[in-house]
Amino acid sequence: MGEPLDLKGLKCPLPVLRAKKALKGMAPGAVLEVLATDPGSVKDFHAFCETTGDEMIAWSEQDGVFTYSLRKKS
């Protein structure tokens, strides 16, 4: 896994749209780590994964920064 996709400071829907674009260029099964600060991103990323079939492996929040690990669907 490379550097996380830093989307801190962006508001809905930009974090999800940028993550979607990044996942599009990745191989099936690849993992994308995303950093975001928008509290709405929690709901947005869960809905995104339900819609696309990509898997949210994990998510956490520390000091107002949300970290998501997303696996591209096979």
PDB file of N, CA and C in Angstrom:
ATOM      1  N   MET A   1       0.856  -1.172   0.000  1.00  0.00           N
ATOM      2  CA  MET A   1       0.000   0.000   0.000  1.00  0.00           C
ATOM      3  C   MET A   1       0.902   1.236   0.000  1.00  0.00           C
ATOM      4  N   GLY A   2       0.596   2.174  -0.847  1.00  0.00           N
ATOM      5  CA  GLY A   2       1.395   3.394  -0.954  1.00  0.00           C
ATOM      6  C   GLY A   2       0.946   4.454   0.034  1.00  0.00           C
ATOM      7  N   GLU A   3       1.262   5.685  -0.296  1.00  0.00           N
ATOM      8  CA  GLU A   3       0.860   6.812   0.536  1.00  0.00           C
ATOM      9  C   GLU A   3      -0.664   6.914   0.573  1.00  0.00           C
ATOM     10  N   PRO A   4      -1.222   7.305   1.722  1.00  0.00           N
ATOM     11  CA  PRO A   4      -2.681   7.488   1.774  1.00  0.00           C
ATOM     12  C   PRO A   4      -3.125   8.655   0.891  1.00  0.00           C
ATOM     13  N   LEU A   5      -4.333   8.566   0.405  1.00  0.00           N
ATOM     14  CA  LEU A   5      -4.940   9.639  -0.376  1.00  0.00           C
ATOM     15  C   LEU A   5      -5.410  10.692   0.616  1.00  0.00           C
ATOM     16  N   ASP A   6      -4.756  11.832   0.629  1.00  0.00           N
ATOM     17  CA  ASP A   6      -5.023  12.881   1.611  1.00  0.00           C
ATOM     18  C   ASP A   6      -6.121  13.810   1.107  1.00  0.00           C
ATOM     19  N   LEU A   7      -7.314  13.659   1.679  1.00  0.00           N
ATOM     20  CA  LEU A   7      -8.467  14.458   1.273  1.00  0.00           C
ATOM     21  C   LEU A   7      -8.931  15.354   2.419  1.00  0.00           C
ATOM     22  N   LYS A   8      -8.027  15.612   3.351  1.00  0.00           N
ATOM     23  CA  LYS A   8      -8.369  16.462   4.496  1.00  0.00           C
ATOM     24  C   LYS A   8      -8.725  17.865   4.009  1.00  0.00           C
ATOM     25  N   GLY A   9      -9.748  18.436   4.633  1.00  0.00           N
ATOM     26  CA  GLY A   9     -10.182  19.782   4.287  1.00  0.00           C
ATOM     27  C   GLY A   9     -11.251  19.829   3.213  1.00  0.00           C
ATOM     28  N   LEU A  10     -11.478  18.725   2.512  1.00  0.00           N
ATOM     29  CA  LEU A  10     -12.509  18.693   1.474  1.00  0.00           C
ATOM     30  C   LEU A  10     -13.858  18.343   2.089  1.00  0.00           C
ATOM     31  N   LYS A  11     -14.901  18.941   1.573  1.00  0.00           N
ATOM     32  CA  LYS A  11     -16.264  18.701   2.065  1.00  0.00           C
ATOM     33  C   LYS A  11     -17.016  17.795   1.101  1.00  0.00           C
ATOM     34  N   CYS A  12     -18.039  17.155   1.616  1.00  0.00           N
ATOM     35  CA  CYS A  12     -18.916  16.285   0.848  1.00  0.00           C
ATOM     36  C   CYS A  12     -19.373  17.007  -0.425  1.00  0.00           C
ATOM     37  N   PRO A  13     -19.359  16.357  -1.556  1.00  0.00           N
ATOM     38  CA  PRO A  13     -19.071  14.950  -1.826  1.00  0.00           C
ATOM     39  C   PRO A  13     -17.640  14.711  -2.316  1.00  0.00           C
ATOM     40  N   LEU A  14     -16.769  15.711  -2.233  1.00  0.00           N
ATOM     41  CA  LEU A  14     -15.441  15.582  -2.836  1.00  0.00           C
ATOM     42  C   LEU A  14     -14.604  14.406  -2.331  1.00  0.00           C
ATOM     43  N   PRO A  15     -14.574  14.106  -1.026  1.00  0.00           N
ATOM     44  CA  PRO A  15     -13.752  12.953  -0.611  1.00  0.00           C
ATOM     45  C   PRO A  15     -14.151  11.647  -1.308  1.00  0.00           C
ATOM     46  N   VAL A  16     -15.444  11.379  -1.381  1.00  0.00           N
ATOM     47  CA  VAL A  16     -15.899  10.145  -2.024  1.00  0.00           C
ATOM     48  C   VAL A  16     -15.611  10.173  -3.528  1.00  0.00           C
ATOM     49  N   LEU A  17     -15.830  11.314  -4.163  1.00  0.00           N
ATOM     50  CA  LEU A  17     -15.581  11.400  -5.610  1.00  0.00           C
ATOM     51  C   LEU A  17     -14.101  11.199  -5.935  1.00  0.00           C
ATOM     52  N   ARG A  18     -13.215  11.776  -5.139  1.00  0.00           N
ATOM     53  CA  ARG A  18     -11.772  11.602  -5.372  1.00  0.00           C
ATOM     54  C   ARG A  18     -11.332  10.169  -5.097  1.00  0.00           C
ATOM     55  N   ALA A  19     -11.898   9.560  -4.067  1.00  0.00           N
ATOM     56  CA  ALA A  19     -11.566   8.165  -3.764  1.00  0.00           C
ATOM     57  C   ALA A  19     -12.061   7.251  -4.885  1.00  0.00           C
ATOM     58  N   LYS A  20     -13.243   7.526  -5.399  1.00  0.00           N
ATOM     59  CA  LYS A  20     -13.802   6.732  -6.501  1.00  0.00           C
ATOM     60  C   LYS A  20     -12.875   6.794  -7.716  1.00  0.00           C
ATOM     61  N   LYS A  21     -12.386   7.986  -8.014  1.00  0.00           N
ATOM     62  CA  LYS A  21     -11.470   8.166  -9.150  1.00  0.00           C
ATOM     63  C   LYS A  21     -10.172   7.387  -8.922  1.00  0.00           C
ATOM     64  N   ALA A  22      -9.650   7.434  -7.707  1.00  0.00           N
ATOM     65  CA  ALA A  22      -8.407   6.714  -7.397  1.00  0.00           C
ATOM     66  C   ALA A  22      -8.614   5.203  -7.495  1.00  0.00           C
ATOM     67  N   LEU A  23      -9.729   4.701  -6.986  1.00  0.00           N
ATOM     68  CA  LEU A  23     -10.008   3.265  -7.040  1.00  0.00           C
ATOM     69  C   LEU A  23     -10.163   2.783  -8.478  1.00  0.00           C
ATOM     70  N   LYS A  24     -10.709   3.624  -9.320  1.00  0.00           N
ATOM     71  CA  LYS A  24     -10.948   3.246 -10.715  1.00  0.00           C
ATOM     72  C   LYS A  24      -9.653   2.805 -11.405  1.00  0.00           C
ATOM     73  N   GLY A  25      -8.543   3.449 -11.050  1.00  0.00           N
ATOM     74  CA  GLY A  25      -7.264   3.121 -11.673  1.00  0.00           C
ATOM     75  C   GLY A  25      -6.498   2.009 -10.985  1.00  0.00           C
ATOM     76  N   MET A  26      -7.100   1.372  -9.989  1.00  0.00           N
ATOM     77  CA  MET A  26      -6.411   0.336  -9.229  1.00  0.00           C
ATOM     78  C   MET A  26      -6.872  -1.054  -9.653  1.00  0.00           C
ATOM     79  N   ALA A  27      -6.020  -2.040  -9.395  1.00  0.00           N
ATOM     80  CA  ALA A  27      -6.341  -3.432  -9.719  1.00  0.00           C
ATOM     81  C   ALA A  27      -7.361  -3.975  -8.716  1.00  0.00           C
ATOM     82  N   PRO A  28      -8.194  -4.919  -9.152  1.00  0.00           N
ATOM     83  CA  PRO A  28      -9.128  -5.548  -8.214  1.00  0.00           C
ATOM     84  C   PRO A  28      -8.373  -6.144  -7.026  1.00  0.00           C
ATOM     85  N   GLY A  29      -8.921  -5.937  -5.826  1.00  0.00           N
ATOM     86  CA  GLY A  29      -8.284  -6.440  -4.616  1.00  0.00           C
ATOM     87  C   GLY A  29      -7.291  -5.474  -3.992  1.00  0.00           C
ATOM     88  N   ALA A  30      -6.931  -4.412  -4.732  1.00  0.00           N
ATOM     89  CA  ALA A  30      -5.990  -3.422  -4.204  1.00  0.00           C
ATOM     90  C   ALA A  30      -6.658  -2.625  -3.085  1.00  0.00           C
ATOM     91  N   VAL A  31      -5.845  -2.121  -2.160  1.00  0.00           N
ATOM     92  CA  VAL A  31      -6.364  -1.380  -1.016  1.00  0.00           C
ATOM     93  C   VAL A  31      -5.950   0.086  -1.117  1.00  0.00           C
ATOM     94  N   LEU A  32      -6.915   0.959  -0.914  1.00  0.00           N
ATOM     95  CA  LEU A  32      -6.690   2.400  -0.906  1.00  0.00           C
ATOM     96  C   LEU A  32      -6.932   2.917   0.497  1.00  0.00           C
ATOM     97  N   GLU A  33      -5.960   3.647   1.033  1.00  0.00           N
ATOM     98  CA  GLU A  33      -6.150   4.290   2.332  1.00  0.00           C
ATOM     99  C   GLU A  33      -6.467   5.755   2.079  1.00  0.00           C
ATOM    100  N   VAL A  34      -7.508   6.237   2.738  1.00  0.00           N
ATOM    101  CA  VAL A  34      -7.991   7.600   2.540  1.00  0.00           C
ATOM    102  C   VAL A  34      -8.006   8.339   3.877  1.00  0.00           C
ATOM    103  N   LEU A  35      -7.557   9.595   3.869  1.00  0.00           N
ATOM    104  CA  LEU A  35      -7.637  10.466   5.036  1.00  0.00           C
ATOM    105  C   LEU A  35      -8.619  11.582   4.728  1.00  0.00           C
ATOM    106  N   ALA A  36      -9.549  11.838   5.647  1.00  0.00           N
ATOM    107  CA  ALA A  36     -10.553  12.890   5.448  1.00  0.00           C
ATOM    108  C   ALA A  36     -10.865  13.552   6.792  1.00  0.00           C
ATOM    109  N   THR A  37     -11.354  14.784   6.739  1.00  0.00           N
ATOM    110  CA  THR A  37     -11.723  15.490   7.959  1.00  0.00           C
ATOM    111  C   THR A  37     -13.217  15.816   8.025  1.00  0.00           C
ATOM    112  N   ASP A  38     -13.947  15.611   6.958  1.00  0.00           N
ATOM    113  CA  ASP A  38     -15.380  15.903   6.941  1.00  0.00           C
ATOM    114  C   ASP A  38     -16.126  14.826   7.729  1.00  0.00           C
ATOM    115  N   PRO A  39     -16.797  15.190   8.835  1.00  0.00           N
ATOM    116  CA  PRO A  39     -17.534  14.191   9.617  1.00  0.00           C
ATOM    117  C   PRO A  39     -18.588  13.449   8.795  1.00  0.00           C
ATOM    118  N   GLY A  40     -19.117  14.092   7.768  1.00  0.00           N
ATOM    119  CA  GLY A  40     -20.099  13.446   6.896  1.00  0.00           C
ATOM    120  C   GLY A  40     -19.505  12.338   6.048  1.00  0.00           C
ATOM    121  N   SER A  41     -18.178  12.272   5.972  1.00  0.00           N
ATOM    122  CA  SER A  41     -17.540  11.256   5.141  1.00  0.00           C
ATOM    123  C   SER A  41     -17.782   9.847   5.677  1.00  0.00           C
ATOM    124  N   VAL A  42     -18.042   9.713   6.975  1.00  0.00           N
ATOM    125  CA  VAL A  42     -18.309   8.381   7.538  1.00  0.00           C
ATOM    126  C   VAL A  42     -19.526   7.778   6.850  1.00  0.00           C
ATOM    127  N   LYS A  43     -20.613   8.512   6.852  1.00  0.00           N
ATOM    128  CA  LYS A  43     -21.853   8.069   6.207  1.00  0.00           C
ATOM    129  C   LYS A  43     -21.640   7.908   4.701  1.00  0.00           C
ATOM    130  N   ASP A  44     -20.941   8.866   4.104  1.00  0.00           N
ATOM    131  CA  ASP A  44     -20.728   8.849   2.653  1.00  0.00           C
ATOM    132  C   ASP A  44     -19.923   7.630   2.203  1.00  0.00           C
ATOM    133  N   PHE A  45     -18.841   7.312   2.914  1.00  0.00           N
ATOM    134  CA  PHE A  45     -18.019   6.172   2.501  1.00  0.00           C
ATOM    135  C   PHE A  45     -18.732   4.845   2.727  1.00  0.00           C
ATOM    136  N   HIS A  46     -19.531   4.738   3.800  1.00  0.00           N
ATOM    137  CA  HIS A  46     -20.305   3.512   3.988  1.00  0.00           C
ATOM    138  C   HIS A  46     -21.316   3.338   2.848  1.00  0.00           C
ATOM    139  N   ALA A  47     -22.004   4.400   2.482  1.00  0.00           N
ATOM    140  CA  ALA A  47     -22.971   4.338   1.380  1.00  0.00           C
ATOM    141  C   ALA A  47     -22.271   4.038   0.061  1.00  0.00           C
ATOM    142  N   PHE A  48     -21.111   4.646  -0.147  1.00  0.00           N
ATOM    143  CA  PHE A  48     -20.334   4.408  -1.367  1.00  0.00           C
ATOM    144  C   PHE A  48     -20.003   2.924  -1.510  1.00  0.00           C
ATOM    145  N   CYS A  49     -19.527   2.306  -0.430  1.00  0.00           N
ATOM    146  CA  CYS A  49     -19.152   0.895  -0.493  1.00  0.00           C
ATOM    147  C   CYS A  49     -20.367  -0.005  -0.724  1.00  0.00           C
ATOM    148  N   GLU A  50     -21.495   0.331  -0.108  1.00  0.00           N
ATOM    149  CA  GLU A  50     -22.719  -0.446  -0.334  1.00  0.00           C
ATOM    150  C   GLU A  50     -23.145  -0.364  -1.796  1.00  0.00           C
ATOM    151  N   THR A  51     -22.997   0.787  -2.393  1.00  0.00           N
ATOM    152  CA  THR A  51     -23.412   1.005  -3.780  1.00  0.00           C
ATOM    153  C   THR A  51     -22.472   0.343  -4.781  1.00  0.00           C
ATOM    154  N   THR A  52     -21.158   0.467  -4.570  1.00  0.00           N
ATOM    155  CA  THR A  52     -20.179   0.001  -5.552  1.00  0.00           C
ATOM    156  C   THR A  52     -19.766  -1.452  -5.370  1.00  0.00           C
ATOM    157  N   GLY A  53     -19.929  -1.973  -4.149  1.00  0.00           N
ATOM    158  CA  GLY A  53     -19.458  -3.331  -3.878  1.00  0.00           C
ATOM    159  C   GLY A  53     -18.013  -3.358  -3.407  1.00  0.00           C
ATOM    160  N   ASP A  54     -17.358  -2.188  -3.375  1.00  0.00           N
ATOM    161  CA  ASP A  54     -16.023  -2.127  -2.795  1.00  0.00           C
ATOM    162  C   ASP A  54     -16.171  -2.373  -1.300  1.00  0.00           C
ATOM    163  N   GLU A  55     -15.101  -2.854  -0.672  1.00  0.00           N
ATOM    164  CA  GLU A  55     -15.181  -3.236   0.740  1.00  0.00           C
ATOM    165  C   GLU A  55     -14.469  -2.222   1.631  1.00  0.00           C
ATOM    166  N   MET A  56     -15.146  -1.814   2.692  1.00  0.00           N
ATOM    167  CA  MET A  56     -14.474  -0.989   3.688  1.00  0.00           C
ATOM    168  C   MET A  56     -13.865  -1.949   4.698  1.00  0.00           C
ATOM    169  N   ILE A  57     -12.549  -2.098   4.641  1.00  0.00           N
ATOM    170  CA  ILE A  57     -11.852  -3.022   5.531  1.00  0.00           C
ATOM    171  C   ILE A  57     -11.857  -2.477   6.948  1.00  0.00           C
ATOM    172  N   ALA A  58     -11.617  -1.176   7.076  1.00  0.00           N
ATOM    173  CA  ALA A  58     -11.552  -0.557   8.393  1.00  0.00           C
ATOM    174  C   ALA A  58     -11.745   0.944   8.254  1.00  0.00           C
ATOM    175  N   TRP A  59     -12.171   1.544   9.358  1.00  0.00           N
ATOM    176  CA  TRP A  59     -12.193   3.009   9.428  1.00  0.00           C
ATOM    177  C   TRP A  59     -12.006   3.396  10.882  1.00  0.00           C
ATOM    178  N   SER A  60     -11.402   4.551  11.082  1.00  0.00           N
ATOM    179  CA  SER A  60     -11.166   5.034  12.441  1.00  0.00           C
ATOM    180  C   SER A  60     -11.136   6.556  12.412  1.00  0.00           C
ATOM    181  N   GLU A  61     -11.188   7.143  13.606  1.00  0.00           N
ATOM    182  CA  GLU A  61     -11.114   8.604  13.731  1.00  0.00           C
ATOM    183  C   GLU A  61     -10.179   8.924  14.877  1.00  0.00           C
ATOM    184  N   GLN A  62      -9.259   9.838  14.618  1.00  0.00           N
ATOM    185  CA  GLN A  62      -8.351  10.295  15.663  1.00  0.00           C
ATOM    186  C   GLN A  62      -8.092  11.778  15.457  1.00  0.00           C
ATOM    187  N   ASP A  63      -8.382  12.568  16.486  1.00  0.00           N
ATOM    188  CA  ASP A  63      -8.148  14.012  16.446  1.00  0.00           C
ATOM    189  C   ASP A  63      -8.815  14.684  15.248  1.00  0.00           C
ATOM    190  N   GLY A  64     -10.023  14.229  14.900  1.00  0.00           N
ATOM    191  CA  GLY A  64     -10.769  14.850  13.812  1.00  0.00           C
ATOM    192  C   GLY A  64     -10.375  14.397  12.417  1.00  0.00           C
ATOM    193  N   VAL A  65      -9.459  13.420  12.325  1.00  0.00           N
ATOM    194  CA  VAL A  65      -9.060  12.886  11.014  1.00  0.00           C
ATOM    195  C   VAL A  65      -9.586  11.460  10.907  1.00  0.00           C
ATOM    196  N   PHE A  66     -10.358  11.224   9.858  1.00  0.00           N
ATOM    197  CA  PHE A  66     -10.918   9.900   9.594  1.00  0.00           C
ATOM    198  C   PHE A  66     -10.004   9.165   8.637  1.00  0.00           C
ATOM    199  N   THR A  67      -9.711   7.912   8.936  1.00  0.00           N
ATOM    200  CA  THR A  67      -8.886   7.076   8.072  1.00  0.00           C
ATOM    201  C   THR A  67      -9.745   5.909   7.605  1.00  0.00           C
ATOM    202  N   TYR A  68      -9.791   5.705   6.290  1.00  0.00           N
ATOM    203  CA  TYR A  68     -10.560   4.619   5.694  1.00  0.00           C
ATOM    204  C   TYR A  68      -9.628   3.721   4.894  1.00  0.00           C
ATOM    205  N   SER A  69      -9.838   2.418   5.006  1.00  0.00           N
ATOM    206  CA  SER A  69      -9.131   1.450   4.165  1.00  0.00           C
ATOM    207  C   SER A  69     -10.193   0.791   3.291  1.00  0.00           C
ATOM    208  N   LEU A  70     -10.067   1.009   1.987  1.00  0.00           N
ATOM    209  CA  LEU A  70     -11.045   0.514   1.028  1.00  0.00           C
ATOM    210  C   LEU A  70     -10.390  -0.492   0.098  1.00  0.00           C
ATOM    211  N   ARG A  71     -11.031  -1.659  -0.075  1.00  0.00           N
ATOM    212  CA  ARG A  71     -10.515  -2.674  -1.007  1.00  0.00           C
ATOM    213  C   ARG A  71     -11.400  -2.648  -2.246  1.00  0.00           C
ATOM    214  N   LYS A  72     -10.762  -2.502  -3.398  1.00  0.00           N
ATOM    215  CA  LYS A  72     -11.497  -2.500  -4.656  1.00  0.00           C
ATOM    216  C   LYS A  72     -12.090  -3.881  -4.907  1.00  0.00           C
ATOM    217  N   LYS A  73     -13.340  -3.883  -5.346  1.00  0.00           N
ATOM    218  CA  LYS A  73     -14.006  -5.166  -5.593  1.00  0.00           C
ATOM    219  C   LYS A  73     -13.279  -5.938  -6.680  1.00  0.00           C
ATOM    220  N   SER A  74     -13.403  -7.254  -6.569  1.00  0.00           N
ATOM    221  CA  SER A  74     -12.736  -8.148  -7.545  1.00  0.00           C
ATOM    222  C   SER A  74     -13.496  -8.172  -8.841  1.00  0.00           C
TER     223      SER A  74
END
